[in-house]
């Protein structure tokens, strides 16, 4: 029999009200709380908490308050910076490349829900991976929705809602985000 966690990790519809998943979210929330309460001078302890949350030793800069659902589905490259109040709903993999800069109040959400109210009431959820390539800058207050990939060197303007894939080396803005311009060496 396939567990709800196995369904979630396989990208299939799953029941988010499953006790195993509830407990894993509680664990992540507790670790986020502990991480967010630490003094900025406690860098070693902050890295330990973050490594425990994400399941591997890493050294990004994540300003408080950082929130996530599970932690183990988040993969961060080198030199990642997340400003205050970043939320990652990681029921599916969320992958950030090297040198990614994320402004304050950004949400990356892999989760989506069915249109039928009866299924939502029963906790049915589905998740689609988010991939952010190297050298991406995500402005303040951006929301990136399930299944989106952002190409290398892209810039997402503040307040944008990203509903579809973003190509390399472009600036996008708006709700929904759309192409503003191509980035060249002369810009």
N, C-alpha and C. Protein backbone atom coordinates (compact mmCIF):
# COMPACT_ATOMS: atom_id res chain seq x y z
N UNK A 1 0.84 -1.18 0.00
CA UNK A 1 0.00 0.00 0.00
C UNK A 1 0.89 1.25 0.00
N UNK A 2 0.54 2.22 -0.81
CA UNK A 2 1.30 3.46 -0.92
C UNK A 2 0.87 4.44 0.16
N UNK A 3 1.85 4.96 0.90
CA UNK A 3 1.53 5.93 1.95
C UNK A 3 1.24 7.30 1.33
N UNK A 4 0.62 8.16 2.11
CA UNK A 4 0.35 9.52 1.64
C UNK A 4 1.65 10.27 1.38
N UNK A 5 2.67 10.01 2.20
CA UNK A 5 3.98 10.63 1.98
C UNK A 5 4.58 10.16 0.65
N UNK A 6 4.49 8.88 0.36
CA UNK A 6 5.00 8.37 -0.92
C UNK A 6 4.26 9.00 -2.09
N UNK A 7 2.94 9.16 -1.94
CA UNK A 7 2.16 9.83 -2.99
C UNK A 7 2.65 11.26 -3.17
N UNK A 8 2.83 11.98 -2.05
CA UNK A 8 3.30 13.36 -2.11
C UNK A 8 4.64 13.44 -2.84
N UNK A 9 5.57 12.60 -2.43
CA UNK A 9 6.91 12.63 -3.01
C UNK A 9 6.93 12.20 -4.48
N UNK A 10 5.89 11.47 -4.91
CA UNK A 10 5.78 11.03 -6.31
C UNK A 10 5.02 12.02 -7.18
N UNK A 11 4.51 13.10 -6.58
CA UNK A 11 3.75 14.09 -7.34
C UNK A 11 2.30 13.73 -7.56
N UNK A 12 1.82 12.73 -6.84
CA UNK A 12 0.42 12.31 -6.97
C UNK A 12 -0.44 13.08 -5.96
N UNK A 13 -1.76 13.14 -6.20
CA UNK A 13 -2.62 13.72 -5.17
C UNK A 13 -2.46 12.94 -3.86
N UNK A 14 -2.43 13.69 -2.74
CA UNK A 14 -2.22 13.05 -1.45
C UNK A 14 -3.09 13.73 -0.41
N UNK A 15 -3.26 13.06 0.71
CA UNK A 15 -4.06 13.61 1.80
C UNK A 15 -3.13 14.32 2.78
N UNK A 16 -3.16 15.64 2.79
CA UNK A 16 -2.31 16.44 3.66
C UNK A 16 -2.70 16.30 5.13
N UNK A 17 -3.86 15.70 5.40
CA UNK A 17 -4.30 15.51 6.77
C UNK A 17 -3.81 14.17 7.35
N UNK A 18 -3.00 13.46 6.60
CA UNK A 18 -2.42 12.20 7.05
C UNK A 18 -1.56 12.45 8.30
N UNK A 19 -1.69 11.63 9.34
CA UNK A 19 -0.95 11.86 10.59
C UNK A 19 0.58 11.94 10.40
N UNK A 20 1.15 11.12 9.54
CA UNK A 20 2.60 11.17 9.31
C UNK A 20 3.01 12.54 8.76
N UNK A 21 2.25 13.05 7.79
CA UNK A 21 2.56 14.35 7.20
C UNK A 21 2.31 15.48 8.19
N UNK A 22 1.27 15.37 8.97
CA UNK A 22 1.02 16.38 10.01
C UNK A 22 2.20 16.44 10.97
N UNK A 23 2.68 15.29 11.41
CA UNK A 23 3.82 15.25 12.34
C UNK A 23 5.09 15.81 11.70
N UNK A 24 5.31 15.54 10.43
CA UNK A 24 6.48 16.08 9.76
C UNK A 24 6.40 17.60 9.62
N UNK A 25 5.20 18.12 9.37
CA UNK A 25 5.04 19.58 9.32
C UNK A 25 5.24 20.20 10.71
N UNK A 26 4.75 19.53 11.74
CA UNK A 26 4.97 20.02 13.11
C UNK A 26 6.46 20.08 13.43
N UNK A 27 7.20 19.05 13.02
CA UNK A 27 8.65 19.02 13.25
C UNK A 27 9.31 20.21 12.55
N UNK A 28 8.94 20.43 11.29
CA UNK A 28 9.53 21.54 10.53
C UNK A 28 9.15 22.88 11.17
N UNK A 29 7.92 23.03 11.60
CA UNK A 29 7.49 24.29 12.23
C UNK A 29 8.27 24.55 13.52
N UNK A 30 8.50 23.48 14.29
CA UNK A 30 9.26 23.63 15.53
C UNK A 30 10.70 24.05 15.24
N UNK A 31 11.32 23.43 14.24
CA UNK A 31 12.70 23.79 13.88
C UNK A 31 12.77 25.21 13.32
N UNK A 32 11.77 25.60 12.51
CA UNK A 32 11.73 26.98 12.01
C UNK A 32 11.60 27.96 13.18
N UNK A 33 10.73 27.64 14.13
CA UNK A 33 10.55 28.49 15.30
C UNK A 33 11.88 28.66 16.05
N UNK A 34 12.56 27.53 16.31
CA UNK A 34 13.85 27.58 17.02
C UNK A 34 14.87 28.40 16.23
N UNK A 35 14.94 28.17 14.94
CA UNK A 35 15.87 28.90 14.08
C UNK A 35 15.60 30.40 14.13
N UNK A 36 14.34 30.76 14.01
CA UNK A 36 13.95 32.17 13.96
C UNK A 36 14.15 32.90 15.29
N UNK A 37 14.23 32.16 16.40
CA UNK A 37 14.40 32.78 17.72
C UNK A 37 15.86 33.00 18.10
N UNK A 38 16.78 32.42 17.34
CA UNK A 38 18.19 32.52 17.71
C UNK A 38 18.74 33.91 17.43
N UNK A 39 19.65 34.33 18.29
CA UNK A 39 20.32 35.62 18.14
C UNK A 39 21.19 35.58 16.89
N UNK A 40 21.30 36.68 16.16
CA UNK A 40 22.12 36.71 14.94
C UNK A 40 23.58 36.32 15.18
N UNK A 41 24.10 36.54 16.39
CA UNK A 41 25.48 36.17 16.69
C UNK A 41 25.68 34.67 16.88
N UNK A 42 24.59 33.92 16.97
CA UNK A 42 24.68 32.47 17.19
C UNK A 42 24.74 31.73 15.84
N UNK A 43 25.70 32.10 15.02
CA UNK A 43 25.79 31.56 13.66
C UNK A 43 25.95 30.05 13.63
N UNK A 44 26.78 29.50 14.49
CA UNK A 44 26.99 28.05 14.51
C UNK A 44 25.71 27.30 14.83
N UNK A 45 24.99 27.76 15.84
CA UNK A 45 23.74 27.12 16.23
C UNK A 45 22.68 27.32 15.15
N UNK A 46 22.68 28.48 14.53
CA UNK A 46 21.72 28.73 13.43
C UNK A 46 21.97 27.74 12.29
N UNK A 47 23.23 27.52 11.93
CA UNK A 47 23.55 26.58 10.86
C UNK A 47 23.18 25.15 11.25
N UNK A 48 23.37 24.78 12.52
CA UNK A 48 22.98 23.45 12.98
C UNK A 48 21.48 23.24 12.83
N UNK A 49 20.69 24.22 13.26
CA UNK A 49 19.22 24.11 13.15
C UNK A 49 18.79 24.01 11.70
N UNK A 50 19.40 24.85 10.87
CA UNK A 50 19.05 24.84 9.45
C UNK A 50 19.43 23.52 8.80
N UNK A 51 20.60 23.00 9.12
CA UNK A 51 21.04 21.71 8.58
C UNK A 51 20.11 20.59 9.02
N UNK A 52 19.66 20.63 10.27
CA UNK A 52 18.72 19.62 10.76
C UNK A 52 17.38 19.73 10.02
N UNK A 53 16.92 20.95 9.81
CA UNK A 53 15.65 21.17 9.11
C UNK A 53 15.72 20.68 7.67
N UNK A 54 16.80 21.01 6.97
CA UNK A 54 16.92 20.69 5.54
C UNK A 54 17.53 19.31 5.29
N UNK A 55 18.03 18.67 6.34
CA UNK A 55 18.55 17.32 6.19
C UNK A 55 19.96 17.23 5.64
N UNK A 56 20.68 18.34 5.58
CA UNK A 56 22.06 18.33 5.10
C UNK A 56 22.75 19.62 5.53
N UNK A 57 24.05 19.53 5.64
CA UNK A 57 24.83 20.68 6.08
C UNK A 57 24.96 21.68 4.93
N UNK A 58 24.50 22.88 5.16
CA UNK A 58 24.59 23.94 4.16
C UNK A 58 24.87 25.25 4.88
N UNK A 59 25.27 26.26 4.10
CA UNK A 59 25.58 27.55 4.72
C UNK A 59 25.00 28.72 3.92
N UNK A 60 23.70 28.71 3.68
CA UNK A 60 23.09 29.89 3.05
C UNK A 60 22.84 30.96 4.12
N UNK A 61 22.36 32.10 3.68
CA UNK A 61 21.91 33.12 4.62
C UNK A 61 20.40 33.23 4.50
N UNK A 62 19.70 32.81 5.53
CA UNK A 62 18.24 32.88 5.59
C UNK A 62 17.89 33.75 6.77
N UNK A 63 17.40 34.94 6.48
CA UNK A 63 17.01 35.85 7.55
C UNK A 63 15.71 35.37 8.18
N UNK A 64 15.52 35.62 9.49
CA UNK A 64 14.25 35.29 10.10
C UNK A 64 13.16 36.22 9.56
N UNK A 65 12.01 35.87 9.52
CA UNK A 65 11.40 34.62 9.88
C UNK A 65 11.30 33.75 8.64
N UNK A 66 11.96 32.63 8.66
CA UNK A 66 11.90 31.66 7.58
C UNK A 66 10.89 30.60 7.97
N UNK A 67 10.04 30.21 7.02
CA UNK A 67 9.03 29.18 7.26
C UNK A 67 9.04 28.18 6.12
N UNK A 68 8.79 26.91 6.45
CA UNK A 68 8.61 25.89 5.42
C UNK A 68 7.68 24.80 5.95
N UNK A 69 7.24 23.93 5.05
CA UNK A 69 6.34 22.84 5.45
C UNK A 69 7.09 21.60 5.93
N UNK A 70 8.13 21.19 5.21
CA UNK A 70 8.82 19.94 5.52
C UNK A 70 10.33 20.13 5.66
N UNK A 71 10.92 20.95 4.84
CA UNK A 71 12.36 21.19 4.89
C UNK A 71 13.16 20.24 4.04
N UNK A 72 12.86 18.95 4.11
CA UNK A 72 13.67 17.96 3.40
C UNK A 72 13.49 18.02 1.88
N UNK A 73 12.51 18.74 1.40
CA UNK A 73 12.32 18.89 -0.05
C UNK A 73 12.98 20.17 -0.59
N UNK A 74 13.74 20.87 0.23
CA UNK A 74 14.39 22.12 -0.19
C UNK A 74 15.86 21.86 -0.42
N UNK A 75 16.33 22.24 -1.60
CA UNK A 75 17.75 22.10 -1.95
C UNK A 75 18.29 23.48 -2.33
N UNK A 76 19.30 23.93 -1.61
CA UNK A 76 19.86 25.26 -1.82
C UNK A 76 21.28 25.16 -2.35
N UNK A 77 21.58 25.94 -3.39
CA UNK A 77 22.93 26.00 -3.92
C UNK A 77 23.82 26.88 -3.07
N UNK A 78 25.01 27.16 -3.59
CA UNK A 78 25.97 28.02 -2.88
C UNK A 78 25.53 29.47 -2.95
N UNK A 79 25.84 30.20 -1.89
CA UNK A 79 25.67 31.64 -1.86
C UNK A 79 24.21 32.08 -2.05
N UNK A 80 23.29 31.32 -1.47
CA UNK A 80 21.86 31.68 -1.51
C UNK A 80 21.59 32.68 -0.38
N UNK A 81 20.82 33.72 -0.70
CA UNK A 81 20.42 34.70 0.31
C UNK A 81 18.90 34.86 0.25
N UNK A 82 18.25 34.66 1.40
CA UNK A 82 16.80 34.89 1.53
C UNK A 82 16.60 35.96 2.58
N UNK A 83 15.93 37.03 2.20
CA UNK A 83 15.65 38.11 3.13
C UNK A 83 14.51 37.70 4.07
N UNK A 84 14.07 38.60 4.92
CA UNK A 84 13.10 38.31 5.97
C UNK A 84 11.77 37.81 5.41
N UNK A 85 11.15 36.92 6.19
CA UNK A 85 9.78 36.44 5.94
C UNK A 85 9.62 35.65 4.66
N UNK A 86 10.58 34.81 4.35
CA UNK A 86 10.46 33.93 3.19
C UNK A 86 9.71 32.67 3.62
N UNK A 87 8.77 32.24 2.79
CA UNK A 87 7.99 31.03 3.05
C UNK A 87 8.15 30.10 1.87
N UNK A 88 8.50 28.84 2.17
CA UNK A 88 8.60 27.81 1.13
C UNK A 88 7.68 26.66 1.52
N UNK A 89 6.64 26.47 0.73
CA UNK A 89 5.72 25.34 0.94
C UNK A 89 6.23 24.21 0.05
N UNK A 90 6.96 23.28 0.68
CA UNK A 90 7.78 22.32 -0.04
C UNK A 90 7.23 20.89 0.00
N UNK A 91 5.99 20.69 -0.39
CA UNK A 91 5.47 19.34 -0.51
C UNK A 91 6.09 18.63 -1.71
N UNK A 92 6.60 19.38 -2.65
CA UNK A 92 7.39 18.86 -3.78
C UNK A 92 8.76 19.52 -3.70
N UNK A 93 9.72 19.02 -4.47
CA UNK A 93 11.06 19.62 -4.41
C UNK A 93 11.07 21.10 -4.80
N UNK A 94 11.85 21.87 -4.03
CA UNK A 94 12.14 23.26 -4.34
C UNK A 94 13.66 23.35 -4.44
N UNK A 95 14.15 23.66 -5.62
CA UNK A 95 15.58 23.69 -5.88
C UNK A 95 16.00 25.10 -6.25
N UNK A 96 16.95 25.63 -5.50
CA UNK A 96 17.51 26.95 -5.79
C UNK A 96 18.98 26.76 -6.16
N UNK A 97 19.39 27.34 -7.28
CA UNK A 97 20.76 27.23 -7.73
C UNK A 97 21.69 28.13 -6.94
N UNK A 98 22.89 28.29 -7.46
CA UNK A 98 23.90 29.13 -6.83
C UNK A 98 23.58 30.61 -7.05
N UNK A 99 23.97 31.43 -6.09
CA UNK A 99 23.88 32.89 -6.19
C UNK A 99 22.46 33.40 -6.39
N UNK A 100 21.50 32.73 -5.78
CA UNK A 100 20.10 33.17 -5.85
C UNK A 100 19.86 34.17 -4.73
N UNK A 101 19.27 35.31 -5.07
CA UNK A 101 18.91 36.34 -4.10
C UNK A 101 17.39 36.45 -4.04
N UNK A 102 16.85 36.37 -2.83
CA UNK A 102 15.41 36.43 -2.64
C UNK A 102 15.09 37.58 -1.69
N UNK A 103 14.23 38.48 -2.13
CA UNK A 103 13.83 39.62 -1.33
C UNK A 103 12.90 39.23 -0.19
N UNK A 104 12.53 40.21 0.64
CA UNK A 104 11.64 39.92 1.77
C UNK A 104 10.22 39.58 1.31
N UNK A 105 9.54 38.81 2.15
CA UNK A 105 8.12 38.48 1.95
C UNK A 105 7.85 37.73 0.65
N UNK A 106 8.74 36.81 0.32
CA UNK A 106 8.58 35.99 -0.89
C UNK A 106 7.99 34.65 -0.49
N UNK A 107 7.08 34.12 -1.35
CA UNK A 107 6.49 32.80 -1.14
C UNK A 107 6.76 31.94 -2.36
N UNK A 108 7.30 30.75 -2.10
CA UNK A 108 7.46 29.71 -3.12
C UNK A 108 6.54 28.58 -2.69
N UNK A 109 5.49 28.31 -3.47
CA UNK A 109 4.50 27.32 -3.06
C UNK A 109 4.37 26.22 -4.10
N UNK A 110 4.71 25.01 -3.69
CA UNK A 110 4.57 23.86 -4.60
C UNK A 110 3.17 23.26 -4.53
N UNK A 111 2.38 23.66 -3.56
CA UNK A 111 1.09 22.99 -3.33
C UNK A 111 -0.05 23.66 -4.09
N UNK A 112 -0.94 22.82 -4.53
CA UNK A 112 -2.17 23.26 -5.19
C UNK A 112 -3.30 22.35 -4.69
N UNK A 113 -4.50 22.80 -4.86
CA UNK A 113 -5.65 22.07 -4.33
C UNK A 113 -6.68 21.85 -5.44
N UNK A 114 -7.50 20.82 -5.30
CA UNK A 114 -8.52 20.55 -6.32
C UNK A 114 -9.60 21.63 -6.34
N UNK A 115 -10.25 21.74 -7.46
CA UNK A 115 -11.35 22.70 -7.59
C UNK A 115 -12.58 22.26 -6.81
N UNK A 116 -12.76 20.96 -6.63
CA UNK A 116 -13.93 20.43 -5.94
C UNK A 116 -13.79 20.64 -4.43
N UNK A 117 -14.76 21.34 -3.85
CA UNK A 117 -14.73 21.63 -2.42
C UNK A 117 -14.70 20.37 -1.57
N UNK A 118 -15.40 19.32 -2.02
CA UNK A 118 -15.44 18.08 -1.23
C UNK A 118 -14.04 17.48 -1.10
N UNK A 119 -13.23 17.56 -2.14
CA UNK A 119 -11.85 17.03 -2.06
C UNK A 119 -10.98 17.91 -1.18
N UNK A 120 -11.14 19.22 -1.27
CA UNK A 120 -10.37 20.13 -0.42
C UNK A 120 -10.69 19.87 1.05
N UNK A 121 -12.00 19.67 1.34
CA UNK A 121 -12.44 19.42 2.71
C UNK A 121 -11.80 18.14 3.26
N UNK A 122 -11.55 17.18 2.38
CA UNK A 122 -10.94 15.92 2.79
C UNK A 122 -9.42 15.97 2.83
N UNK A 123 -8.83 17.16 2.59
CA UNK A 123 -7.39 17.32 2.70
C UNK A 123 -6.60 16.96 1.47
N UNK A 124 -7.28 16.73 0.35
CA UNK A 124 -6.57 16.34 -0.88
C UNK A 124 -5.76 17.53 -1.40
N UNK A 125 -4.51 17.27 -1.69
CA UNK A 125 -3.55 18.27 -2.13
C UNK A 125 -2.69 17.64 -3.21
N UNK A 126 -2.11 18.46 -4.06
CA UNK A 126 -1.11 17.97 -5.01
C UNK A 126 0.02 18.98 -5.02
N UNK A 127 1.20 18.51 -5.35
CA UNK A 127 2.36 19.40 -5.34
C UNK A 127 3.17 19.22 -6.61
N UNK A 128 3.70 20.34 -7.10
CA UNK A 128 4.54 20.35 -8.30
C UNK A 128 5.82 21.12 -7.98
N UNK A 129 6.94 20.57 -8.41
CA UNK A 129 8.26 21.12 -8.09
C UNK A 129 8.45 22.54 -8.62
N UNK A 130 9.29 23.29 -7.91
CA UNK A 130 9.74 24.62 -8.33
C UNK A 130 11.25 24.56 -8.46
N UNK A 131 11.76 25.08 -9.59
CA UNK A 131 13.20 25.10 -9.83
C UNK A 131 13.63 26.52 -10.17
N UNK A 132 14.59 27.03 -9.41
CA UNK A 132 15.16 28.35 -9.64
C UNK A 132 16.63 28.13 -10.03
N UNK A 133 17.02 28.55 -11.21
CA UNK A 133 18.37 28.33 -11.71
C UNK A 133 19.37 29.28 -11.03
N UNK A 134 20.61 29.20 -11.45
CA UNK A 134 21.67 30.05 -10.89
C UNK A 134 21.45 31.52 -11.22
N UNK A 135 21.96 32.39 -10.33
CA UNK A 135 22.06 33.83 -10.56
C UNK A 135 20.72 34.52 -10.76
N UNK A 136 19.68 34.02 -10.11
CA UNK A 136 18.34 34.61 -10.21
C UNK A 136 18.15 35.59 -9.06
N UNK A 137 17.47 36.71 -9.36
CA UNK A 137 17.10 37.69 -8.34
C UNK A 137 15.58 37.74 -8.29
N UNK A 138 15.02 37.44 -7.13
CA UNK A 138 13.58 37.45 -6.92
C UNK A 138 13.27 38.62 -6.00
N UNK A 139 12.52 39.59 -6.49
CA UNK A 139 12.24 40.81 -5.74
C UNK A 139 11.26 40.62 -4.60
N UNK A 140 11.13 41.68 -3.82
CA UNK A 140 10.27 41.70 -2.63
C UNK A 140 8.82 41.37 -2.98
N UNK A 141 8.22 40.52 -2.15
CA UNK A 141 6.79 40.24 -2.25
C UNK A 141 6.38 39.39 -3.44
N UNK A 142 7.30 38.67 -4.04
CA UNK A 142 6.99 37.81 -5.19
C UNK A 142 6.35 36.51 -4.70
N UNK A 143 5.41 36.00 -5.49
CA UNK A 143 4.85 34.66 -5.27
C UNK A 143 5.16 33.82 -6.49
N UNK A 144 5.73 32.64 -6.25
CA UNK A 144 6.01 31.70 -7.34
C UNK A 144 5.14 30.47 -7.09
N UNK A 145 4.34 30.12 -8.10
CA UNK A 145 3.32 29.08 -7.96
C UNK A 145 3.85 27.70 -8.36
N UNK A 146 3.08 26.65 -8.06
CA UNK A 146 3.52 25.28 -8.30
C UNK A 146 3.94 25.02 -9.74
N UNK A 147 5.01 24.21 -9.89
CA UNK A 147 5.44 23.73 -11.20
C UNK A 147 6.27 24.69 -12.01
N UNK A 148 6.64 25.84 -11.46
CA UNK A 148 7.36 26.88 -12.22
C UNK A 148 8.86 26.63 -12.18
N UNK A 149 9.51 26.89 -13.33
CA UNK A 149 10.97 26.93 -13.41
C UNK A 149 11.38 28.34 -13.83
N UNK A 150 12.45 28.84 -13.22
CA UNK A 150 12.98 30.17 -13.53
C UNK A 150 14.38 29.98 -14.07
N UNK A 151 14.64 30.53 -15.27
CA UNK A 151 15.90 30.34 -15.96
C UNK A 151 17.05 31.15 -15.38
N UNK A 152 18.25 30.74 -15.73
CA UNK A 152 19.49 31.37 -15.27
C UNK A 152 19.48 32.88 -15.52
N UNK A 153 19.89 33.63 -14.50
CA UNK A 153 20.06 35.07 -14.63
C UNK A 153 18.79 35.88 -14.73
N UNK A 154 17.63 35.26 -14.54
CA UNK A 154 16.37 35.99 -14.63
C UNK A 154 16.19 36.91 -13.41
N UNK A 155 15.41 37.98 -13.61
CA UNK A 155 15.05 38.90 -12.55
C UNK A 155 13.53 38.97 -12.50
N UNK A 156 12.97 38.77 -11.31
CA UNK A 156 11.52 38.85 -11.13
C UNK A 156 11.25 40.08 -10.28
N UNK A 157 10.55 41.04 -10.86
CA UNK A 157 10.30 42.32 -10.21
C UNK A 157 9.41 42.17 -8.98
N UNK A 158 9.57 43.06 -8.04
CA UNK A 158 8.83 43.06 -6.79
C UNK A 158 7.32 42.99 -7.05
N UNK A 159 6.65 42.19 -6.23
CA UNK A 159 5.20 42.09 -6.28
C UNK A 159 4.65 41.19 -7.37
N UNK A 160 5.50 40.58 -8.16
CA UNK A 160 5.03 39.74 -9.26
C UNK A 160 4.47 38.42 -8.75
N UNK A 161 3.56 37.86 -9.56
CA UNK A 161 3.05 36.52 -9.32
C UNK A 161 3.44 35.69 -10.53
N UNK A 162 4.29 34.69 -10.30
CA UNK A 162 4.84 33.89 -11.39
C UNK A 162 4.01 32.62 -11.52
N UNK A 163 3.30 32.52 -12.64
CA UNK A 163 2.39 31.39 -12.87
C UNK A 163 2.89 30.42 -13.93
N UNK A 164 3.94 30.81 -14.66
CA UNK A 164 4.48 29.93 -15.71
C UNK A 164 5.99 30.10 -15.77
N UNK A 165 6.64 29.18 -16.48
CA UNK A 165 8.10 29.18 -16.57
C UNK A 165 8.64 30.51 -17.10
N UNK A 166 9.81 30.90 -16.58
CA UNK A 166 10.48 32.14 -16.96
C UNK A 166 11.79 31.76 -17.66
N UNK A 167 12.03 32.27 -18.87
CA UNK A 167 13.28 31.93 -19.57
C UNK A 167 14.50 32.58 -18.94
N UNK A 168 15.66 32.22 -19.45
CA UNK A 168 16.93 32.78 -18.98
C UNK A 168 17.05 34.25 -19.35
N UNK A 169 17.76 34.99 -18.50
CA UNK A 169 18.23 36.35 -18.78
C UNK A 169 17.11 37.30 -19.25
N UNK A 170 16.02 37.31 -18.48
CA UNK A 170 14.93 38.24 -18.76
C UNK A 170 14.51 38.91 -17.46
N UNK A 171 13.82 40.04 -17.60
CA UNK A 171 13.14 40.68 -16.48
C UNK A 171 11.65 40.47 -16.71
N UNK A 172 10.97 39.99 -15.65
CA UNK A 172 9.52 39.83 -15.71
C UNK A 172 8.91 40.63 -14.57
N UNK A 173 7.66 41.05 -14.78
CA UNK A 173 6.95 41.82 -13.75
C UNK A 173 5.46 41.65 -13.95
N UNK A 174 4.72 41.88 -12.88
CA UNK A 174 3.27 41.95 -12.98
C UNK A 174 2.54 40.75 -12.41
N UNK A 175 1.21 40.83 -12.56
CA UNK A 175 0.30 39.78 -12.10
C UNK A 175 -0.65 39.45 -13.22
N UNK A 176 -0.46 38.32 -13.91
CA UNK A 176 0.67 37.41 -13.76
C UNK A 176 1.94 38.01 -14.38
N UNK A 177 3.09 37.51 -13.96
CA UNK A 177 4.37 38.02 -14.45
C UNK A 177 4.49 37.81 -15.96
N UNK A 178 4.95 38.85 -16.63
CA UNK A 178 5.17 38.75 -18.07
C UNK A 178 6.48 39.46 -18.43
N UNK A 179 6.96 39.18 -19.60
CA UNK A 179 8.25 39.70 -20.05
C UNK A 179 8.27 41.22 -20.12
N UNK A 180 9.28 41.82 -19.49
CA UNK A 180 9.51 43.26 -19.57
C UNK A 180 10.64 43.54 -20.56
N UNK A 181 11.76 42.78 -20.40
CA UNK A 181 12.85 42.95 -21.34
C UNK A 181 13.82 41.80 -21.21
N UNK A 182 14.61 41.66 -22.26
CA UNK A 182 15.72 40.72 -22.28
C UNK A 182 16.91 41.39 -21.60
N UNK A 183 17.69 40.64 -20.83
CA UNK A 183 18.88 41.18 -20.20
C UNK A 183 20.08 40.90 -21.09
N UNK A 184 20.78 41.98 -21.45
CA UNK A 184 22.01 41.84 -22.23
C UNK A 184 23.14 42.51 -21.47
N UNK A 185 24.34 42.33 -21.93
CA UNK A 185 25.50 42.95 -21.28
C UNK A 185 25.41 44.47 -21.33
N UNK A 186 24.64 45.03 -22.25
CA UNK A 186 24.54 46.48 -22.40
C UNK A 186 23.48 47.12 -21.53
N UNK A 187 22.59 46.30 -20.91
CA UNK A 187 21.52 46.85 -20.08
C UNK A 187 22.08 47.59 -18.89
